[in-house]
Amino acid sequence: MDEWTTYTPEGQPLIVRRKSGRWSAKCGEGQEAESELLDVALAEAIHRDQDVVGHVHRIDYDKWTRSIADAIEREYSADR
């Protein structure tokens, strides 16, 4: 299993794992989200964390999520 930790713009921990061909993400105290697509797992995890939900409209989370997903996927591919 591969694991990465980063933080949302508000400082919430965002833990990403790759296991059994799927991505999982957990943001702060929210529930873990899983998907075959990393950006989908990230977006779902962020929306499940109540401490982040109130800030979603102030930050372009779609763009931020895509950039984080790209960085993690590049690192994951480089390790293969």
PDB file of N, CA and C in Angstrom:
ATOM      1  N   MET A   1       0.848  -1.183   0.000  1.00  0.00           N
ATOM      2  CA  MET A   1       0.000   0.000   0.000  1.00  0.00           C
ATOM      3  C   MET A   1       0.890   1.242   0.000  1.00  0.00           C
ATOM      4  N   ASP A   2       0.490   2.213  -0.786  1.00  0.00           N
ATOM      5  CA  ASP A   2       1.189   3.497  -0.844  1.00  0.00           C
ATOM      6  C   ASP A   2       0.345   4.537  -0.119  1.00  0.00           C
ATOM      7  N   GLU A   3       1.007   5.482   0.557  1.00  0.00           N
ATOM      8  CA  GLU A   3       0.278   6.500   1.312  1.00  0.00           C
ATOM      9  C   GLU A   3       0.961   7.852   1.186  1.00  0.00           C
ATOM     10  N   TRP A   4       0.151   8.901   1.079  1.00  0.00           N
ATOM     11  CA  TRP A   4       0.617  10.281   1.009  1.00  0.00           C
ATOM     12  C   TRP A   4      -0.191  11.097   2.002  1.00  0.00           C
ATOM     13  N   THR A   5       0.435  12.103   2.592  1.00  0.00           N
ATOM     14  CA  THR A   5      -0.265  13.030   3.481  1.00  0.00           C
ATOM     15  C   THR A   5       0.000  14.441   3.000  1.00  0.00           C
ATOM     16  N   THR A   6      -1.046  15.226   2.915  1.00  0.00           N
ATOM     17  CA  THR A   6      -0.947  16.632   2.569  1.00  0.00           C
ATOM     18  C   THR A   6      -1.977  17.369   3.419  1.00  0.00           C
ATOM     19  N   TYR A   7      -2.148  18.645   3.177  1.00  0.00           N
ATOM     20  CA  TYR A   7      -3.097  19.432   3.960  1.00  0.00           C
ATOM     21  C   TYR A   7      -3.931  20.300   3.030  1.00  0.00           C
ATOM     22  N   THR A   8      -5.183  20.498   3.402  1.00  0.00           N
ATOM     23  CA  THR A   8      -6.056  21.386   2.649  1.00  0.00           C
ATOM     24  C   THR A   8      -5.603  22.826   2.893  1.00  0.00           C
ATOM     25  N   PRO A   9      -6.086  23.768   2.098  1.00  0.00           N
ATOM     26  CA  PRO A   9      -5.735  25.171   2.346  1.00  0.00           C
ATOM     27  C   PRO A   9      -6.101  25.656   3.749  1.00  0.00           C
ATOM     28  N   GLU A  10      -7.086  25.025   4.402  1.00  0.00           N
ATOM     29  CA  GLU A  10      -7.448  25.389   5.779  1.00  0.00           C
ATOM     30  C   GLU A  10      -6.576  24.695   6.820  1.00  0.00           C
ATOM     31  N   GLY A  11      -5.700  23.790   6.368  1.00  0.00           N
ATOM     32  CA  GLY A  11      -4.812  23.095   7.290  1.00  0.00           C
ATOM     33  C   GLY A  11      -5.316  21.751   7.767  1.00  0.00           C
ATOM     34  N   GLN A  12      -6.392  21.251   7.176  1.00  0.00           N
ATOM     35  CA  GLN A  12      -6.908  19.932   7.560  1.00  0.00           C
ATOM     36  C   GLN A  12      -6.026  18.851   6.930  1.00  0.00           C
ATOM     37  N   PRO A  13      -5.683  17.810   7.693  1.00  0.00           N
ATOM     38  CA  PRO A  13      -4.893  16.723   7.104  1.00  0.00           C
ATOM     39  C   PRO A  13      -5.705  15.969   6.060  1.00  0.00           C
ATOM     40  N   LEU A  14      -5.043  15.623   4.971  1.00  0.00           N
ATOM     41  CA  LEU A  14      -5.666  14.880   3.886  1.00  0.00           C
ATOM     42  C   LEU A  14      -4.764  13.684   3.604  1.00  0.00           C
ATOM     43  N   ILE A  15      -5.260  12.497   3.927  1.00  0.00           N
ATOM     44  CA  ILE A  15      -4.481  11.268   3.783  1.00  0.00           C
ATOM     45  C   ILE A  15      -5.001  10.510   2.569  1.00  0.00           C
ATOM     46  N   VAL A  16      -4.087  10.163   1.682  1.00  0.00           N
ATOM     47  CA  VAL A  16      -4.435   9.464   0.447  1.00  0.00           C
ATOM     48  C   VAL A  16      -3.714   8.126   0.434  1.00  0.00           C
ATOM     49  N   ARG A  17      -4.455   7.085   0.059  1.00  0.00           N
ATOM     50  CA  ARG A  17      -3.873   5.743  -0.025  1.00  0.00           C
ATOM     51  C   ARG A  17      -4.230   5.108  -1.372  1.00  0.00           C
ATOM     52  N   ARG A  18      -3.322   4.305  -1.855  1.00  0.00           N
ATOM     53  CA  ARG A  18      -3.566   3.504  -3.051  1.00  0.00           C
ATOM     54  C   ARG A  18      -3.520   2.061  -2.599  1.00  0.00           C
ATOM     55  N   LYS A  19      -4.649   1.359  -2.748  1.00  0.00           N
ATOM     56  CA  LYS A  19      -4.687  -0.036  -2.326  1.00  0.00           C
ATOM     57  C   LYS A  19      -5.634  -0.819  -3.227  1.00  0.00           C
ATOM     58  N   SER A  20      -5.201  -1.978  -3.601  1.00  0.00           N
ATOM     59  CA  SER A  20      -6.007  -2.874  -4.435  1.00  0.00           C
ATOM     60  C   SER A  20      -6.562  -2.189  -5.678  1.00  0.00           C
ATOM     61  N   GLY A  21      -5.756  -1.356  -6.309  1.00  0.00           N
ATOM     62  CA  GLY A  21      -6.163  -0.712  -7.545  1.00  0.00           C
ATOM     63  C   GLY A  21      -7.145   0.429  -7.394  1.00  0.00           C
ATOM     64  N   ARG A  22      -7.383   0.881  -6.168  1.00  0.00           N
ATOM     65  CA  ARG A  22      -8.317   1.983  -5.914  1.00  0.00           C
ATOM     66  C   ARG A  22      -7.626   3.045  -5.068  1.00  0.00           C
ATOM     67  N   TRP A  23      -8.161   4.255  -5.146  1.00  0.00           N
ATOM     68  CA  TRP A  23      -7.689   5.370  -4.325  1.00  0.00           C
ATOM     69  C   TRP A  23      -8.654   5.570  -3.166  1.00  0.00           C
ATOM     70  N   SER A  24      -8.115   5.865  -1.997  1.00  0.00           N
ATOM     71  CA  SER A  24      -8.952   6.265  -0.866  1.00  0.00           C
ATOM     72  C   SER A  24      -8.381   7.564  -0.315  1.00  0.00           C
ATOM     73  N   ALA A  25      -9.262   8.389   0.201  1.00  0.00           N
ATOM     74  CA  ALA A  25      -8.845   9.676   0.764  1.00  0.00           C
ATOM     75  C   ALA A  25      -9.667   9.954   2.011  1.00  0.00           C
ATOM     76  N   LYS A  26      -9.012  10.547   2.998  1.00  0.00           N
ATOM     77  CA  LYS A  26      -9.682  10.928   4.249  1.00  0.00           C
ATOM     78  C   LYS A  26      -9.224  12.334   4.593  1.00  0.00           C
ATOM     79  N   CYS A  27     -10.185  13.211   4.797  1.00  0.00           N
ATOM     80  CA  CYS A  27      -9.888  14.602   5.112  1.00  0.00           C
ATOM     81  C   CYS A  27     -10.331  14.900   6.537  1.00  0.00           C
ATOM     82  N   GLY A  28      -9.392  15.318   7.378  1.00  0.00           N
ATOM     83  CA  GLY A  28      -9.723  15.683   8.755  1.00  0.00           C
ATOM     84  C   GLY A  28     -10.474  14.584   9.464  1.00  0.00           C
ATOM     85  N   GLU A  29     -11.618  14.950  10.047  1.00  0.00           N
ATOM     86  CA  GLU A  29     -12.443  13.990  10.786  1.00  0.00           C
ATOM     87  C   GLU A  29     -13.545  13.382   9.931  1.00  0.00           C
ATOM     88  N   GLY A  30     -13.563  13.701   8.638  1.00  0.00           N
ATOM     89  CA  GLY A  30     -14.589  13.168   7.741  1.00  0.00           C
ATOM     90  C   GLY A  30     -14.377  11.692   7.453  1.00  0.00           C
ATOM     91  N   GLN A  31     -15.384  11.088   6.834  1.00  0.00           N
ATOM     92  CA  GLN A  31     -15.308   9.680   6.466  1.00  0.00           C
ATOM     93  C   GLN A  31     -14.402   9.494   5.252  1.00  0.00           C
ATOM     94  N   GLU A  32     -13.800   8.344   5.175  1.00  0.00           N
ATOM     95  CA  GLU A  32     -12.951   7.999   4.039  1.00  0.00           C
ATOM     96  C   GLU A  32     -13.811   7.847   2.783  1.00  0.00           C
ATOM     97  N   ALA A  33     -13.257   8.263   1.650  1.00  0.00           N
ATOM     98  CA  ALA A  33     -13.917   8.119   0.356  1.00  0.00           C
ATOM     99  C   ALA A  33     -13.033   7.267  -0.541  1.00  0.00           C
ATOM    100  N   GLU A  34     -13.645   6.425  -1.377  1.00  0.00           N
ATOM    101  CA  GLU A  34     -12.898   5.575  -2.293  1.00  0.00           C
ATOM    102  C   GLU A  34     -13.408   5.737  -3.709  1.00  0.00           C
ATOM    103  N   SER A  35     -12.476   5.618  -4.663  1.00  0.00           N
ATOM    104  CA  SER A  35     -12.827   5.672  -6.077  1.00  0.00           C
ATOM    105  C   SER A  35     -11.661   5.136  -6.895  1.00  0.00           C
ATOM    106  N   GLU A  36     -11.948   4.731  -8.120  1.00  0.00           N
ATOM    107  CA  GLU A  36     -10.890   4.367  -9.049  1.00  0.00           C
ATOM    108  C   GLU A  36     -10.153   5.620  -9.522  1.00  0.00           C
ATOM    109  N   LEU A  37     -10.814   6.788  -9.424  1.00  0.00           N
ATOM    110  CA  LEU A  37     -10.235   8.061  -9.848  1.00  0.00           C
ATOM    111  C   LEU A  37      -9.812   8.866  -8.623  1.00  0.00           C
ATOM    112  N   LEU A  38      -8.559   9.266  -8.581  1.00  0.00           N
ATOM    113  CA  LEU A  38      -8.037   9.975  -7.420  1.00  0.00           C
ATOM    114  C   LEU A  38      -8.742  11.292  -7.170  1.00  0.00           C
ATOM    115  N   ASP A  39      -8.983  12.089  -8.202  1.00  0.00           N
ATOM    116  CA  ASP A  39      -9.620  13.388  -7.959  1.00  0.00           C
ATOM    117  C   ASP A  39     -11.030  13.237  -7.417  1.00  0.00           C
ATOM    118  N   VAL A  40     -11.734  12.164  -7.790  1.00  0.00           N
ATOM    119  CA  VAL A  40     -13.079  11.910  -7.252  1.00  0.00           C
ATOM    120  C   VAL A  40     -12.985  11.560  -5.769  1.00  0.00           C
ATOM    121  N   ALA A  41     -12.045  10.695  -5.401  1.00  0.00           N
ATOM    122  CA  ALA A  41     -11.874  10.338  -3.983  1.00  0.00           C
ATOM    123  C   ALA A  41     -11.508  11.564  -3.157  1.00  0.00           C
ATOM    124  N   LEU A  42     -10.620  12.420  -3.686  1.00  0.00           N
ATOM    125  CA  LEU A  42     -10.235  13.637  -2.971  1.00  0.00           C
ATOM    126  C   LEU A  42     -11.431  14.567  -2.774  1.00  0.00           C
ATOM    127  N   ALA A  43     -12.184  14.813  -3.830  1.00  0.00           N
ATOM    128  CA  ALA A  43     -13.331  15.723  -3.747  1.00  0.00           C
ATOM    129  C   ALA A  43     -14.370  15.212  -2.757  1.00  0.00           C
ATOM    130  N   GLU A  44     -14.657  13.919  -2.807  1.00  0.00           N
ATOM    131  CA  GLU A  44     -15.638  13.346  -1.875  1.00  0.00           C
ATOM    132  C   GLU A  44     -15.148  13.444  -0.434  1.00  0.00           C
ATOM    133  N   ALA A  45     -13.871  13.153  -0.202  1.00  0.00           N
ATOM    134  CA  ALA A  45     -13.325  13.225   1.157  1.00  0.00           C
ATOM    135  C   ALA A  45     -13.395  14.655   1.690  1.00  0.00           C
ATOM    136  N   ILE A  46     -13.060  15.622   0.856  1.00  0.00           N
ATOM    137  CA  ILE A  46     -13.096  17.022   1.283  1.00  0.00           C
ATOM    138  C   ILE A  46     -14.515  17.437   1.639  1.00  0.00           C
ATOM    139  N   HIS A  47     -15.475  17.023   0.843  1.00  0.00           N
ATOM    140  CA  HIS A  47     -16.873  17.392   1.113  1.00  0.00           C
ATOM    141  C   HIS A  47     -17.464  16.669   2.320  1.00  0.00           C
ATOM    142  N   ARG A  48     -16.821  15.603   2.755  1.00  0.00           N
ATOM    143  CA  ARG A  48     -17.290  14.875   3.937  1.00  0.00           C
ATOM    144  C   ARG A  48     -16.763  15.454   5.247  1.00  0.00           C
ATOM    145  N   ASP A  49     -15.792  16.349   5.165  1.00  0.00           N
ATOM    146  CA  ASP A  49     -15.222  16.962   6.369  1.00  0.00           C
ATOM    147  C   ASP A  49     -15.935  18.280   6.656  1.00  0.00           C
ATOM    148  N   GLN A  50     -16.657  18.336   7.729  1.00  0.00           N
ATOM    149  CA  GLN A  50     -17.452  19.513   8.070  1.00  0.00           C
ATOM    150  C   GLN A  50     -16.606  20.769   8.293  1.00  0.00           C
ATOM    151  N   ASP A  51     -15.358  20.614   8.700  1.00  0.00           N
ATOM    152  CA  ASP A  51     -14.497  21.783   8.922  1.00  0.00           C
ATOM    153  C   ASP A  51     -14.077  22.448   7.608  1.00  0.00           C
ATOM    154  N   VAL A  52     -14.164  21.724   6.512  1.00  0.00           N
ATOM    155  CA  VAL A  52     -13.776  22.267   5.213  1.00  0.00           C
ATOM    156  C   VAL A  52     -14.990  22.757   4.433  1.00  0.00           C
ATOM    157  N   VAL A  53     -16.118  22.089   4.587  1.00  0.00           N
ATOM    158  CA  VAL A  53     -17.303  22.384   3.779  1.00  0.00           C
ATOM    159  C   VAL A  53     -17.662  23.866   3.782  1.00  0.00           C
ATOM    160  N   GLY A  54     -17.554  24.539   4.883  1.00  0.00           N
ATOM    161  CA  GLY A  54     -17.901  25.953   4.961  1.00  0.00           C
ATOM    162  C   GLY A  54     -16.973  26.864   4.181  1.00  0.00           C
ATOM    163  N   HIS A  55     -15.802  26.373   3.811  1.00  0.00           N
ATOM    164  CA  HIS A  55     -14.820  27.181   3.087  1.00  0.00           C
ATOM    165  C   HIS A  55     -14.765  26.876   1.593  1.00  0.00           C
ATOM    166  N   VAL A  56     -15.516  25.875   1.152  1.00  0.00           N
ATOM    167  CA  VAL A  56     -15.418  25.402  -0.225  1.00  0.00           C
ATOM    168  C   VAL A  56     -15.690  26.509  -1.237  1.00  0.00           C
ATOM    169  N   HIS A  57     -16.595  27.421  -0.952  1.00  0.00           N
ATOM    170  CA  HIS A  57     -16.938  28.464  -1.918  1.00  0.00           C
ATOM    171  C   HIS A  57     -15.874  29.549  -2.020  1.00  0.00           C
ATOM    172  N   ARG A  58     -15.019  29.682  -1.020  1.00  0.00           N
ATOM    173  CA  ARG A  58     -13.979  30.711  -1.041  1.00  0.00           C
ATOM    174  C   ARG A  58     -12.716  30.267  -1.761  1.00  0.00           C
ATOM    175  N   ILE A  59     -12.579  28.992  -1.960  1.00  0.00           N
ATOM    176  CA  ILE A  59     -11.383  28.440  -2.589  1.00  0.00           C
ATOM    177  C   ILE A  59     -11.818  27.621  -3.800  1.00  0.00           C
ATOM    178  N   ASP A  60     -11.076  27.697  -4.892  1.00  0.00           N
ATOM    179  CA  ASP A  60     -11.370  26.897  -6.076  1.00  0.00           C
ATOM    180  C   ASP A  60     -10.887  25.474  -5.817  1.00  0.00           C
ATOM    181  N   TYR A  61     -11.709  24.705  -5.106  1.00  0.00           N
ATOM    182  CA  TYR A  61     -11.318  23.355  -4.729  1.00  0.00           C
ATOM    183  C   TYR A  61     -11.207  22.422  -5.917  1.00  0.00           C
ATOM    184  N   ASP A  62     -11.948  22.665  -6.993  1.00  0.00           N
ATOM    185  CA  ASP A  62     -11.804  21.818  -8.179  1.00  0.00           C
ATOM    186  C   ASP A  62     -10.379  21.921  -8.715  1.00  0.00           C
ATOM    187  N   LYS A  63      -9.890  23.126  -8.841  1.00  0.00           N
ATOM    188  CA  LYS A  63      -8.522  23.346  -9.345  1.00  0.00           C
ATOM    189  C   LYS A  63      -7.493  22.802  -8.351  1.00  0.00           C
ATOM    190  N   TRP A  64      -7.689  23.083  -7.065  1.00  0.00           N
ATOM    191  CA  TRP A  64      -6.763  22.626  -6.037  1.00  0.00           C
ATOM    192  C   TRP A  64      -6.718  21.096  -6.009  1.00  0.00           C
ATOM    193  N   THR A  65      -7.885  20.443  -6.051  1.00  0.00           N
ATOM    194  CA  THR A  65      -7.966  18.987  -6.023  1.00  0.00           C
ATOM    195  C   THR A  65      -7.263  18.382  -7.234  1.00  0.00           C
ATOM    196  N   ARG A  66      -7.476  18.972  -8.397  1.00  0.00           N
ATOM    197  CA  ARG A  66      -6.833  18.449  -9.608  1.00  0.00           C
ATOM    198  C   ARG A  66      -5.317  18.558  -9.515  1.00  0.00           C
ATOM    199  N   SER A  67      -4.801  19.669  -8.982  1.00  0.00           N
ATOM    200  CA  SER A  67      -3.350  19.829  -8.877  1.00  0.00           C
ATOM    201  C   SER A  67      -2.754  18.840  -7.880  1.00  0.00           C
ATOM    202  N   ILE A  68      -3.435  18.590  -6.769  1.00  0.00           N
ATOM    203  CA  ILE A  68      -2.968  17.602  -5.790  1.00  0.00           C
ATOM    204  C   ILE A  68      -3.004  16.207  -6.404  1.00  0.00           C
ATOM    205  N   ALA A  69      -4.098  15.883  -7.088  1.00  0.00           N
ATOM    206  CA  ALA A  69      -4.220  14.572  -7.730  1.00  0.00           C
ATOM    207  C   ALA A  69      -3.108  14.370  -8.752  1.00  0.00           C
ATOM    208  N   ASP A  70      -2.830  15.385  -9.559  1.00  0.00           N
ATOM    209  CA  ASP A  70      -1.753  15.280 -10.557  1.00  0.00           C
ATOM    210  C   ASP A  70      -0.409  15.010  -9.898  1.00  0.00           C
ATOM    211  N   ALA A  71      -0.106  15.729  -8.822  1.00  0.00           N
ATOM    212  CA  ALA A  71       1.174  15.563  -8.128  1.00  0.00           C
ATOM    213  C   ALA A  71       1.309  14.152  -7.539  1.00  0.00           C
ATOM    214  N   ILE A  72       0.258  13.662  -6.908  1.00  0.00           N
ATOM    215  CA  ILE A  72       0.298  12.326  -6.307  1.00  0.00           C
ATOM    216  C   ILE A  72       0.409  11.265  -7.399  1.00  0.00           C
ATOM    217  N   GLU A  73      -0.363  11.415  -8.478  1.00  0.00           N
ATOM    218  CA  GLU A  73      -0.303  10.432  -9.563  1.00  0.00           C
ATOM    219  C   GLU A  73       1.076  10.412 -10.228  1.00  0.00           C
ATOM    220  N   ARG A  74       1.718  11.567 -10.381  1.00  0.00           N
ATOM    221  CA  ARG A  74       3.082  11.597 -10.926  1.00  0.00           C
ATOM    222  C   ARG A  74       4.052  10.846 -10.018  1.00  0.00           C
ATOM    223  N   GLU A  75       3.950  11.111  -8.717  1.00  0.00           N
ATOM    224  CA  GLU A  75       4.829  10.420  -7.763  1.00  0.00           C
ATOM    225  C   GLU A  75       4.569   8.923  -7.758  1.00  0.00           C
ATOM    226  N   TYR A  76       3.301   8.554  -7.785  1.00  0.00           N
ATOM    227  CA  TYR A  76       2.929   7.126  -7.797  1.00  0.00           C
ATOM    228  C   TYR A  76       3.488   6.438  -9.052  1.00  0.00           C
ATOM    229  N   SER A  77       3.346   7.085 -10.201  1.00  0.00           N
ATOM    230  CA  SER A  77       3.834   6.515 -11.470  1.00  0.00           C
ATOM    231  C   SER A  77       5.354   6.420 -11.489  1.00  0.00           C
ATOM    232  N   ALA A  78       6.039   7.392 -10.902  1.00  0.00           N
ATOM    233  CA  ALA A  78       7.499   7.388 -10.872  1.00  0.00           C
ATOM    234  C   ALA A  78       8.047   6.242 -10.030  1.00  0.00           C
ATOM    235  N   ASP A  79       7.278   5.825  -9.018  1.00  0.00           N
ATOM    236  CA  ASP A  79       7.715   4.730  -8.136  1.00  0.00           C
ATOM    237  C   ASP A  79       7.510   3.356  -8.770  1.00  0.00           C
ATOM    238  N   ARG A  80       6.816   3.301  -9.881  1.00  0.00           N
ATOM    239  CA  ARG A  80       6.508   2.018 -10.513  1.00  0.00           C
ATOM    240  C   ARG A  80       7.567   1.616 -11.456  1.00  0.00           C
TER     241      ARG A  80
END
